[in-house]
Amino acid sequence: MLDTTTNPNDPLVEEVAELVARSRAAQAQIENYTQEQVDELIRAMVWAVAEESVAEKIAQHTLEETQLGNYDGKYLKIFRKTRATLFDIINDKSVGVLEEDHERNIVKIAKPVGVIGALSPSTNPEATPVIKAISAVKGRNSIIVAPHPRAKLTNKMICDLMRDAIVKMGAPADLVLSIDVPSVEKTNELMRQCDRVLATGGGAMVTAAYSSGTPALGVGVGNAVITVDETADLEDAAEKIRISKTLDLAASCSSDNSVILVDAIYDDMLEKLKHQGGYLVNAEEKQKLQDALWPDGRFNTAIVAQPAEKIAGMAGFNLPEGRTFFMVPETGYGAEFPFSGEKLTVIMALYRVKDLDEAIALTNNIQAYQGQGHSCGIYSQSDENIMKLANATHTSRVMVNQPQSASNSGNLWNGMRQTFSLGCGSWGGNGTNNNITWRDLINETWVSKPLAVNKELPSDEELFGDVMEKMASAA
């Protein structure tokens, strides 16, 4: 249904309405597909883009079009991440009866939502359309992908490959559609006309998704904070921090933006980070980096997901050979300490704290400024310390002894659901904390039958017990 504020005769409204009508007609054709038919479709969609030679072409094309990240990162996402996501969901039951709760005598039945309106960012435009598309089709939905203008050709290439695969499987190509000439206005109109919005992008776009009048699944701002405690395997931690910080040149919102080292291991860990390619900037270089990242106080997007050497050149200083990421000593948090925020670059703030308690407090303060609810991590061999941090932080994910950016959206070494859409809960202004996947893109019908034996309310003594006595004595 159109938003009442739109003009149905507006050419833009009509263009989007035509796309939605095509998408809705295609979705109707798979409304009654079996589980086997659905799973065959999504396997074909992934193979169409993830076959090695195709993945290579997509990775190179993405890099050339967006000028963000690097070839290795793009290739890993389209070749490996799409496969891992398919593997993660292929055995899930998404058609018919999902669950039977015998104790409550309830049966849950899966129903498609309809047309999914999906937003795809310029930082992850190679795998995002695929992951969102297979999640939509797994639930017998259709999808329309609205790309960032900087990645529109990449998006069309990928959607066209999936469309061809769908046709070869005997289903309608329009199960996957792309907005080939994107604009903010067109994306906003898609969000008004579709049945559910799946938004990954900048804060403004996610806010627009929630304001569209259509049920929306958005994600909060990332600003991962990583703690290394005195029990950590420092060699392992340093290597994994480097892997996470430099993956696709930090295009991911899950990249390590701040690393907190407890005092007991600070010097040793710093040396190991340097050995992994970290460059500790001095006070003068820090100011030059700040001026390059925030000229006139506004973030310079030209520096996002660029090589360390290029960033140093833009900032006006030389980077020693072999250095692949920057470590910026920091003490504070908030707007007056911009390095404490999300940077989407191979630059991380480096903090020194007395102990874990101070690390927890600092994590919460940093993420209260930016990134609350998204994720944090810890390198530790102490379950007590791990759970202490997990219980005390306002975060939806705590990744333990894992490279953050490669892990919190799911990977083969952990049990997190595979996705690029990370709910941040009420802390991040989202309606969910979970890793968003196909289960978030369906409706569920609950069938409730009478219990074999009715439940009976317990007596007041059983139900209220000592509470009655405490209230009476306090009267």
Protein backbone atom coordinates (compact mmCIF):
# COMPACT_ATOMS: atom_id res chain seq x y z
CA MET A 1 0.00 0.00 0.00
CA LEU A 2 1.31 3.46 -0.91
CA ASP A 3 2.02 6.04 1.75
CA THR A 4 -0.72 8.65 1.66
CA THR A 5 1.89 11.39 1.36
CA THR A 6 2.99 10.14 -2.08
CA ASN A 7 1.48 11.16 -5.39
CA PRO A 8 0.54 8.01 -7.33
CA ASN A 9 0.95 9.95 -10.60
CA ASP A 10 4.52 10.93 -9.82
CA PRO A 11 6.79 9.20 -12.40
CA LEU A 12 9.14 8.05 -9.63
CA VAL A 13 6.25 6.55 -7.66
CA GLU A 14 4.97 4.85 -10.79
CA GLU A 15 8.43 3.44 -11.59
CA VAL A 16 8.77 1.90 -8.15
CA ALA A 17 5.17 0.69 -8.21
CA GLU A 18 5.90 -1.16 -11.45
CA LEU A 19 8.95 -2.84 -9.90
CA VAL A 20 6.95 -3.82 -6.82
CA ALA A 21 4.14 -5.21 -8.98
CA ARG A 22 6.62 -7.35 -10.94
CA SER A 23 8.19 -8.52 -7.69
CA ARG A 24 4.83 -9.33 -6.15
CA ALA A 25 3.76 -11.34 -9.19
CA ALA A 26 6.97 -13.37 -9.04
CA GLN A 27 6.59 -14.00 -5.33
CA ALA A 28 3.06 -15.31 -5.87
CA GLN A 29 4.48 -17.98 -8.16
CA ILE A 30 6.65 -19.48 -5.39
CA GLU A 31 4.15 -18.97 -2.58
CA ASN A 32 3.51 -22.71 -2.45
CA TYR A 33 7.00 -23.96 -3.28
CA THR A 34 8.25 -26.95 -1.33
CA GLN A 35 11.31 -26.84 0.88
CA GLU A 36 13.25 -28.71 -1.79
CA GLN A 37 12.32 -26.18 -4.48
CA VAL A 38 13.23 -23.23 -2.29
CA ASP A 39 16.59 -24.70 -1.33
CA GLU A 40 17.40 -25.53 -4.95
CA LEU A 41 16.79 -21.89 -5.85
CA ILE A 42 19.11 -20.44 -3.22
CA ARG A 43 21.85 -22.96 -4.01
CA ALA A 44 21.69 -21.90 -7.65
CA MET A 45 21.73 -18.20 -6.71
CA VAL A 46 24.92 -18.59 -4.70
CA TRP A 47 26.67 -20.78 -7.26
CA ALA A 48 25.93 -18.21 -9.96
CA VAL A 49 28.07 -15.61 -8.18
CA ALA A 50 30.49 -17.70 -6.10
CA GLU A 51 31.97 -19.99 -8.75
CA GLU A 52 35.67 -19.14 -8.71
CA SER A 53 36.08 -17.38 -12.05
CA VAL A 54 32.87 -15.39 -11.54
CA ALA A 55 33.86 -14.43 -8.01
CA GLU A 56 37.18 -13.13 -9.32
CA LYS A 57 35.41 -10.92 -11.87
CA ILE A 58 32.96 -9.59 -9.29
CA ALA A 59 35.73 -8.80 -6.81
CA GLN A 60 37.74 -6.91 -9.42
CA HIS A 61 34.69 -5.07 -10.73
CA THR A 62 33.60 -4.09 -7.21
CA LEU A 63 37.02 -2.69 -6.40
CA GLU A 64 37.24 -0.74 -9.65
CA GLU A 65 33.76 0.74 -9.27
CA THR A 66 33.76 1.63 -5.58
CA GLN A 67 37.49 2.27 -5.00
CA LEU A 68 36.90 0.94 -1.48
CA GLY A 69 38.72 -1.91 0.25
CA ASN A 70 40.96 -4.37 -1.56
CA TYR A 71 40.65 -7.27 -3.96
CA ASP A 72 41.37 -9.98 -1.38
CA GLY A 73 38.63 -8.71 0.93
CA LYS A 74 36.09 -8.46 -1.87
CA TYR A 75 36.96 -11.93 -3.16
CA LEU A 76 36.64 -13.51 0.28
CA LYS A 77 33.19 -12.01 0.73
CA ILE A 78 31.76 -13.11 -2.60
CA PHE A 79 33.55 -16.48 -2.77
CA ARG A 80 33.57 -17.57 0.87
CA LYS A 81 30.99 -15.54 2.82
CA THR A 82 28.16 -16.34 0.41
CA ARG A 83 28.99 -20.06 0.59
CA ALA A 84 29.18 -19.93 4.39
CA THR A 85 25.81 -18.17 4.58
CA LEU A 86 24.21 -20.76 2.31
CA PHE A 87 25.75 -23.56 4.38
CA ASP A 88 24.40 -21.90 7.55
CA ILE A 89 20.77 -21.88 6.36
CA ILE A 90 20.47 -24.70 3.83
CA ASN A 91 19.28 -27.29 6.35
CA ASP A 92 16.91 -24.90 8.14
CA LYS A 93 13.23 -25.74 7.73
CA SER A 94 11.53 -22.60 6.37
CA VAL A 95 8.43 -24.06 4.67
CA GLY A 96 5.37 -25.43 6.44
CA VAL A 97 5.53 -26.38 10.12
CA LEU A 98 8.61 -24.86 11.76
CA GLU A 99 8.13 -25.96 15.34
CA GLU A 100 5.81 -28.05 17.48
CA ASP A 101 5.69 -27.17 21.15
CA HIS A 102 4.10 -30.25 22.67
CA GLU A 103 4.07 -28.87 26.20
CA ARG A 104 1.96 -25.86 25.16
CA ASN A 105 0.24 -27.70 22.27
CA ILE A 106 1.24 -25.04 19.76
CA VAL A 107 2.30 -25.49 16.14
CA LYS A 108 4.15 -22.69 14.27
CA ILE A 109 3.71 -22.41 10.50
CA ALA A 110 5.94 -20.33 8.20
CA LYS A 111 4.31 -17.84 5.81
CA PRO A 112 6.09 -15.48 3.39
CA VAL A 113 6.02 -11.74 3.99
CA GLY A 114 5.91 -10.78 0.31
CA VAL A 115 8.25 -8.20 -1.23
CA ILE A 116 11.43 -7.40 0.67
CA GLY A 117 12.97 -3.98 0.05
CA ALA A 118 16.69 -4.33 0.69
CA LEU A 119 19.30 -1.60 1.01
CA SER A 120 22.89 -2.42 0.09
CA PRO A 121 25.89 -0.27 1.13
CA SER A 122 28.92 0.76 -0.90
CA THR A 123 31.27 -0.89 1.60
CA ASN A 124 29.93 -4.45 1.17
CA PRO A 125 28.12 -4.38 -2.20
CA GLU A 126 29.46 -7.70 -3.42
CA ALA A 127 28.02 -10.14 -0.87
CA THR A 128 25.20 -8.11 0.71
CA PRO A 129 22.74 -8.48 -2.20
CA VAL A 130 23.38 -12.23 -2.33
CA ILE A 131 23.01 -12.80 1.41
CA LYS A 132 19.83 -10.74 1.58
CA ALA A 133 18.41 -12.36 -1.55
CA ILE A 134 18.87 -15.94 -0.38
CA SER A 135 17.45 -15.03 3.02
CA ALA A 136 14.39 -13.57 1.30
CA VAL A 137 13.87 -16.49 -1.08
CA LYS A 138 14.47 -19.01 1.73
CA GLY A 139 11.24 -17.63 3.21
CA ARG A 140 9.48 -17.73 -0.21
CA ASN A 141 9.68 -13.97 -0.63
CA SER A 142 10.87 -11.83 -3.51
CA ILE A 143 13.38 -9.01 -3.13
CA ILE A 144 14.19 -5.64 -4.66
CA VAL A 145 17.72 -4.41 -3.94
CA ALA A 146 18.42 -0.67 -3.74
CA PRO A 147 22.19 -0.15 -3.95
CA HIS A 148 24.35 2.78 -2.94
CA PRO A 149 24.93 4.83 -6.14
CA ARG A 150 28.65 4.19 -5.81
CA ALA A 151 28.04 0.45 -6.32
CA LYS A 152 25.10 0.41 -8.74
CA LEU A 153 26.91 -1.45 -11.54
CA THR A 154 28.21 -4.10 -9.15
CA ASN A 155 24.70 -4.54 -7.78
CA LYS A 156 23.20 -4.95 -11.24
CA MET A 157 25.87 -7.48 -12.25
CA ILE A 158 25.20 -9.60 -9.17
CA CYS A 159 21.41 -9.37 -9.39
CA ASP A 160 21.48 -10.27 -13.08
CA LEU A 161 23.59 -13.35 -12.34
CA MET A 162 21.11 -14.47 -9.68
CA ARG A 163 18.17 -13.78 -12.00
CA ASP A 164 19.70 -15.98 -14.69
CA ALA A 165 20.20 -18.77 -12.19
CA ILE A 166 16.61 -18.51 -10.96
CA VAL A 167 15.28 -18.85 -14.51
CA LYS A 168 17.45 -21.93 -15.08
CA MET A 169 15.78 -23.47 -12.04
CA GLY A 170 12.34 -22.84 -13.59
CA ALA A 171 11.31 -19.91 -11.38
CA PRO A 172 10.56 -16.28 -12.34
CA ALA A 173 13.59 -13.99 -12.68
CA ASP A 174 11.74 -11.16 -10.94
CA LEU A 175 12.17 -12.88 -7.60
CA VAL A 176 15.30 -10.70 -7.58
CA LEU A 177 15.12 -7.16 -8.93
CA SER A 178 17.55 -4.27 -8.65
CA ILE A 179 17.11 -0.53 -8.83
CA ASP A 180 19.59 0.11 -11.60
CA VAL A 181 19.58 3.92 -11.39
CA PRO A 182 19.40 4.52 -7.66
CA SER A 183 18.60 7.68 -5.77
CA VAL A 184 17.65 8.54 -2.21
CA GLU A 185 14.13 9.40 -3.37
CA LYS A 186 13.72 6.10 -5.20
CA THR A 187 15.01 4.11 -2.23
CA ASN A 188 12.64 5.95 0.10
CA GLU A 189 9.75 5.15 -2.23
CA LEU A 190 10.72 1.48 -2.33
CA MET A 191 10.69 1.40 1.44
CA ARG A 192 7.17 2.86 1.44
CA GLN A 193 5.80 0.36 -1.07
CA CYS A 194 7.43 -2.96 -0.11
CA ASP A 195 6.22 -5.31 2.63
CA ARG A 196 9.34 -5.36 4.80
CA VAL A 197 12.52 -3.29 4.74
CA LEU A 198 15.94 -4.83 5.34
CA ALA A 199 18.25 -1.86 5.75
CA THR A 200 22.04 -1.94 5.80
CA GLY A 201 23.72 1.40 5.25
CA GLY A 202 24.48 4.72 6.86
CA GLY A 203 22.64 6.03 9.89
CA ALA A 204 20.47 8.40 7.85
CA MET A 205 19.26 5.61 5.59
CA VAL A 206 18.47 3.29 8.49
CA THR A 207 16.54 6.12 10.17
CA ALA A 208 14.62 6.60 6.92
CA ALA A 209 13.80 2.88 6.91
CA TYR A 210 12.29 3.09 10.37
CA SER A 211 10.34 6.19 9.31
CA SER A 212 8.98 4.67 6.10
CA GLY A 213 5.76 3.33 7.57
CA THR A 214 6.76 -0.20 6.53
CA PRO A 215 7.97 -2.76 9.10
CA ALA A 216 11.74 -2.41 9.01
CA LEU A 217 14.79 -4.30 10.18
CA GLY A 218 17.66 -1.87 10.52
CA VAL A 219 21.09 -1.98 12.06
CA GLY A 220 22.84 0.37 14.44
CA VAL A 221 26.18 2.10 14.09
CA GLY A 222 29.26 -0.06 14.56
CA ASN A 223 32.23 0.95 16.70
CA ALA A 224 33.81 -2.25 17.94
CA VAL A 225 35.90 -2.00 21.10
CA ILE A 226 38.33 -4.83 21.82
CA THR A 227 39.90 -5.61 25.21
CA VAL A 228 43.07 -7.64 25.76
CA ASP A 229 43.45 -8.77 29.38
CA GLU A 230 46.41 -10.13 31.34
CA THR A 231 45.48 -13.78 30.66
CA ALA A 232 45.37 -13.48 26.86
CA ASP A 233 47.55 -15.33 24.37
CA LEU A 234 49.23 -12.17 23.11
CA GLU A 235 50.66 -13.62 19.90
CA ASP A 236 47.26 -14.93 18.92
CA ALA A 237 45.51 -11.70 19.92
CA ALA A 238 47.90 -9.50 17.94
CA GLU A 239 47.54 -11.60 14.80
CA LYS A 240 43.76 -11.65 14.99
CA ILE A 241 43.54 -7.91 15.65
CA ARG A 242 45.66 -7.33 12.55
CA ILE A 243 43.46 -9.68 10.50
CA SER A 244 40.32 -7.91 11.66
CA LYS A 245 41.68 -4.37 11.32
CA THR A 246 42.97 -4.86 7.77
CA LEU A 247 40.25 -7.12 6.31
CA ASP A 248 38.99 -5.33 3.18
CA LEU A 249 40.85 -2.27 4.54
CA ALA A 250 38.34 -1.91 7.40
CA ALA A 251 35.30 -1.43 5.16
CA SER A 252 33.26 -3.38 7.72
CA CYS A 253 31.43 -1.68 10.58
CA SER A 254 32.76 -4.53 12.74
CA SER A 255 36.41 -3.58 12.31
CA ASP A 256 38.36 -2.95 15.53
CA ASN A 257 37.94 0.79 16.10
CA SER A 258 39.43 0.86 19.60
CA VAL A 259 41.73 -1.61 21.34
CA ILE A 260 42.09 -1.51 25.12
CA LEU A 261 45.16 -3.08 26.72
CA VAL A 262 45.35 -3.68 30.45
CA ASP A 263 48.48 -2.31 32.10
CA ALA A 264 50.05 -5.67 32.91
CA ILE A 265 50.49 -6.64 29.24
CA TYR A 266 50.55 -3.21 27.58
CA ASP A 267 54.23 -3.08 26.58
CA ASP A 268 54.42 -6.69 25.44
CA MET A 269 51.20 -6.46 23.45
CA LEU A 270 52.22 -3.20 21.83
CA GLU A 271 55.41 -4.81 20.53
CA LYS A 272 53.45 -7.74 19.16
CA LEU A 273 51.03 -5.40 17.39
CA LYS A 274 53.99 -3.58 15.85
CA HIS A 275 55.35 -6.94 14.71
CA GLN A 276 52.02 -7.59 12.99
CA GLY A 277 52.32 -4.37 10.99
CA GLY A 278 50.91 -1.79 13.38
CA TYR A 279 52.37 1.71 13.33
CA LEU A 280 52.24 3.73 16.56
CA VAL A 281 51.81 7.37 15.58
CA ASN A 282 53.43 10.20 17.52
CA ALA A 283 51.61 13.33 18.71
CA GLU A 284 52.37 15.29 15.53
CA GLU A 285 51.25 12.45 13.26
CA LYS A 286 48.11 11.98 15.34
CA GLN A 287 47.14 15.60 14.72
CA LYS A 288 47.84 15.24 11.01
CA LEU A 289 45.67 12.11 10.87
CA GLN A 290 42.90 13.92 12.71
CA ASP A 291 43.07 16.85 10.30
CA ALA A 292 42.88 14.45 7.35
CA LEU A 293 39.97 12.44 8.76
CA TRP A 294 37.92 15.35 10.06
CA PRO A 295 38.73 18.48 8.03
CA ASP A 296 36.54 21.31 9.32
CA GLY A 297 35.14 18.84 11.86
CA ARG A 298 33.35 16.70 9.25
CA PHE A 299 34.34 13.13 8.45
CA ASN A 300 36.25 12.78 5.18
CA THR A 301 34.65 9.85 3.34
CA ALA A 302 37.48 9.84 0.80
CA ILE A 303 39.65 8.18 3.41
CA VAL A 304 37.29 5.22 4.05
CA ALA A 305 38.68 1.75 3.33
CA GLN A 306 41.94 3.03 1.83
CA PRO A 307 45.47 1.56 2.20
CA ALA A 308 47.56 2.78 5.14
CA GLU A 309 50.22 4.20 2.84
CA LYS A 310 47.63 6.30 0.98
CA ILE A 311 46.15 7.58 4.24
CA ALA A 312 49.59 8.61 5.50
CA GLY A 313 50.17 10.47 2.26
CA MET A 314 46.84 12.27 2.56
CA ALA A 315 47.78 13.20 6.12
CA GLY A 316 51.23 14.45 5.07
CA PHE A 317 53.72 12.04 6.63
CA ASN A 318 55.67 8.97 5.58
CA LEU A 319 54.74 5.46 6.68
CA PRO A 320 57.56 2.96 7.19
CA GLU A 321 57.53 -0.01 4.85
CA GLY A 322 55.51 -2.99 6.02
CA ARG A 323 53.10 -1.01 8.20
CA THR A 324 49.47 -1.82 7.33
CA PHE A 325 47.46 -0.16 10.12
CA PHE A 326 47.74 2.78 12.50
CA MET A 327 47.60 2.76 16.30
CA VAL A 328 46.60 6.12 17.75
CA PRO A 329 47.21 6.57 21.50
CA GLU A 330 44.03 7.90 23.07
CA THR A 331 42.78 8.64 26.58
CA GLY A 332 39.28 10.05 26.21
CA TYR A 333 36.01 9.42 24.44
CA GLY A 334 33.24 11.43 22.83
CA ALA A 335 33.10 14.23 20.27
CA GLU A 336 36.22 15.92 21.65
CA PHE A 337 38.14 12.67 21.05
CA PRO A 338 37.08 11.75 17.50
CA PHE A 339 39.37 8.73 17.28
CA SER A 340 37.09 7.05 19.83
CA GLY A 341 34.35 6.83 17.18
CA GLU A 342 33.79 4.65 14.12
CA LYS A 343 36.35 5.36 11.41
CA LEU A 344 35.95 2.68 8.70
CA THR A 345 39.69 2.94 8.11
CA VAL A 346 42.82 1.00 9.07
CA ILE A 347 43.17 3.35 12.05
CA MET A 348 42.43 2.22 15.57
CA ALA A 349 42.48 4.09 18.85
CA LEU A 350 44.78 2.52 21.46
CA TYR A 351 43.99 2.76 25.17
CA ARG A 352 45.90 1.75 28.30
CA VAL A 353 43.88 0.91 31.41
CA LYS A 354 44.64 -0.37 34.90
CA ASP A 355 42.46 -3.47 34.84
CA LEU A 356 39.36 -5.13 33.42
CA ASP A 357 36.97 -2.98 35.44
CA GLU A 358 38.45 0.13 33.89
CA ALA A 359 38.29 -1.52 30.45
CA ILE A 360 34.58 -2.26 30.90
CA ALA A 361 33.82 1.30 31.97
CA LEU A 362 35.81 2.67 29.03
CA THR A 363 34.06 0.33 26.59
CA ASN A 364 30.65 1.55 27.74
CA ASN A 365 31.71 5.19 27.56
CA ILE A 366 33.17 4.83 24.07
CA GLN A 367 30.08 3.04 22.80
CA ALA A 368 27.72 5.48 24.49
CA TYR A 369 29.32 7.99 22.10
CA GLN A 370 29.05 5.69 19.06
CA GLY A 371 28.24 2.03 18.49
CA GLN A 372 26.21 1.12 21.55
CA GLY A 373 24.54 -2.26 21.19
CA HIS A 374 26.57 -3.44 18.19
CA SER A 375 29.52 -5.52 19.37
CA CYS A 376 32.70 -5.71 21.38
CA GLY A 377 35.38 -8.33 21.87
CA ILE A 378 37.83 -9.70 24.37
CA TYR A 379 41.04 -11.71 24.21
CA SER A 380 41.23 -13.68 27.43
CA GLN A 381 41.71 -17.17 28.85
CA SER A 382 39.57 -16.36 31.89
CA ASP A 383 35.90 -17.33 31.71
CA GLU A 384 35.33 -15.12 34.74
CA ASN A 385 36.71 -12.08 32.93
CA ILE A 386 34.84 -12.91 29.72
CA MET A 387 31.49 -13.18 31.49
CA LYS A 388 32.20 -10.11 33.61
CA LEU A 389 32.68 -8.02 30.48
CA ALA A 390 29.69 -9.60 28.75
CA ASN A 391 27.39 -8.93 31.69
CA ALA A 392 28.51 -5.34 32.18
CA THR A 393 28.59 -4.01 28.60
CA HIS A 394 25.67 -2.66 26.58
CA THR A 395 26.29 -4.88 23.60
CA SER A 396 24.53 -7.52 21.51
CA ARG A 397 27.67 -9.51 20.70
CA VAL A 398 30.87 -10.30 22.57
CA MET A 399 33.39 -12.10 20.39
CA VAL A 400 35.93 -14.09 22.39
CA ASN A 401 39.45 -14.73 21.03
CA GLN A 402 38.28 -14.13 17.44
CA PRO A 403 39.01 -11.52 14.75
CA GLN A 404 36.05 -9.19 15.27
CA SER A 405 35.19 -8.12 11.73
CA ALA A 406 35.36 -11.68 10.39
CA SER A 407 33.44 -13.22 13.28
CA ASN A 408 30.48 -11.32 14.66
CA SER A 409 28.48 -11.71 11.43
CA GLY A 410 29.12 -15.45 11.57
CA ASN A 411 32.00 -17.62 10.42
CA LEU A 412 32.93 -21.26 10.21
CA TRP A 413 34.76 -21.13 13.55
CA ASN A 414 31.75 -19.96 15.58
CA GLY A 415 28.02 -20.50 15.93
CA MET A 416 26.81 -17.00 15.05
CA ARG A 417 24.24 -16.88 12.26
CA GLN A 418 25.76 -15.76 8.96
CA THR A 419 24.61 -12.31 7.84
CA PHE A 420 25.71 -8.76 7.15
CA SER A 421 22.80 -7.29 9.12
CA LEU A 422 23.50 -7.06 12.85
CA GLY A 423 20.68 -5.99 15.14
CA CYS A 424 21.77 -3.74 18.01
CA GLY A 425 18.73 -3.91 20.27
CA SER A 426 17.25 -0.92 22.06
CA TRP A 427 20.80 0.29 22.80
CA GLY A 428 21.29 0.97 19.09
CA GLY A 429 17.70 1.95 18.31
CA ASN A 430 16.82 -1.43 16.78
CA GLY A 431 13.99 -3.86 17.39
CA THR A 432 16.22 -6.92 17.62
CA ASN A 433 19.61 -7.98 18.97
CA ASN A 434 20.09 -10.99 16.74
CA ASN A 435 22.03 -11.62 13.55
CA ILE A 436 19.26 -11.05 11.03
CA THR A 437 18.53 -13.95 8.69
CA TRP A 438 15.59 -15.60 6.88
CA ARG A 439 13.64 -16.18 10.11
CA ASP A 440 13.25 -12.41 10.41
CA LEU A 441 11.76 -12.26 6.90
CA ILE A 442 8.71 -14.47 7.40
CA ASN A 443 5.39 -14.35 9.15
CA GLU A 444 4.51 -17.14 11.56
CA THR A 445 1.05 -18.53 12.24
CA TRP A 446 0.66 -20.06 15.69
CA VAL A 447 -1.91 -22.86 15.86
CA SER A 448 -3.09 -23.38 19.42
CA LYS A 449 -5.04 -26.47 20.49
CA PRO A 450 -6.50 -27.10 23.94
CA LEU A 451 -4.19 -28.72 26.45
CA ALA A 452 -4.93 -32.31 27.36
CA VAL A 453 -5.11 -31.20 30.98
CA ASN A 454 -6.03 -27.62 31.88
CA LYS A 455 -3.51 -25.62 33.85
CA GLU A 456 -4.62 -24.72 37.36
CA LEU A 457 -3.73 -21.56 39.19
CA PRO A 458 -1.75 -22.30 42.35
CA SER A 459 -2.97 -21.09 45.72
CA ASP A 460 -2.08 -17.57 46.86
CA GLU A 461 0.29 -19.11 49.39
CA GLU A 462 2.19 -20.90 46.63
CA LEU A 463 2.15 -17.96 44.22
CA PHE A 464 2.93 -15.08 46.56
CA GLY A 465 4.39 -16.85 49.61
CA ASP A 466 6.78 -14.71 51.61
CA VAL A 467 5.92 -11.61 49.54
CA MET A 468 2.56 -11.39 51.37
CA GLU A 469 4.36 -11.60 54.73
CA LYS A 470 6.91 -8.93 53.78
CA MET A 471 4.20 -6.55 52.53
CA ALA A 472 2.11 -7.12 55.65
CA SER A 473 5.04 -6.50 57.99
CA ALA A 474 5.96 -3.33 56.09
CA ALA A 475 2.43 -1.91 56.33
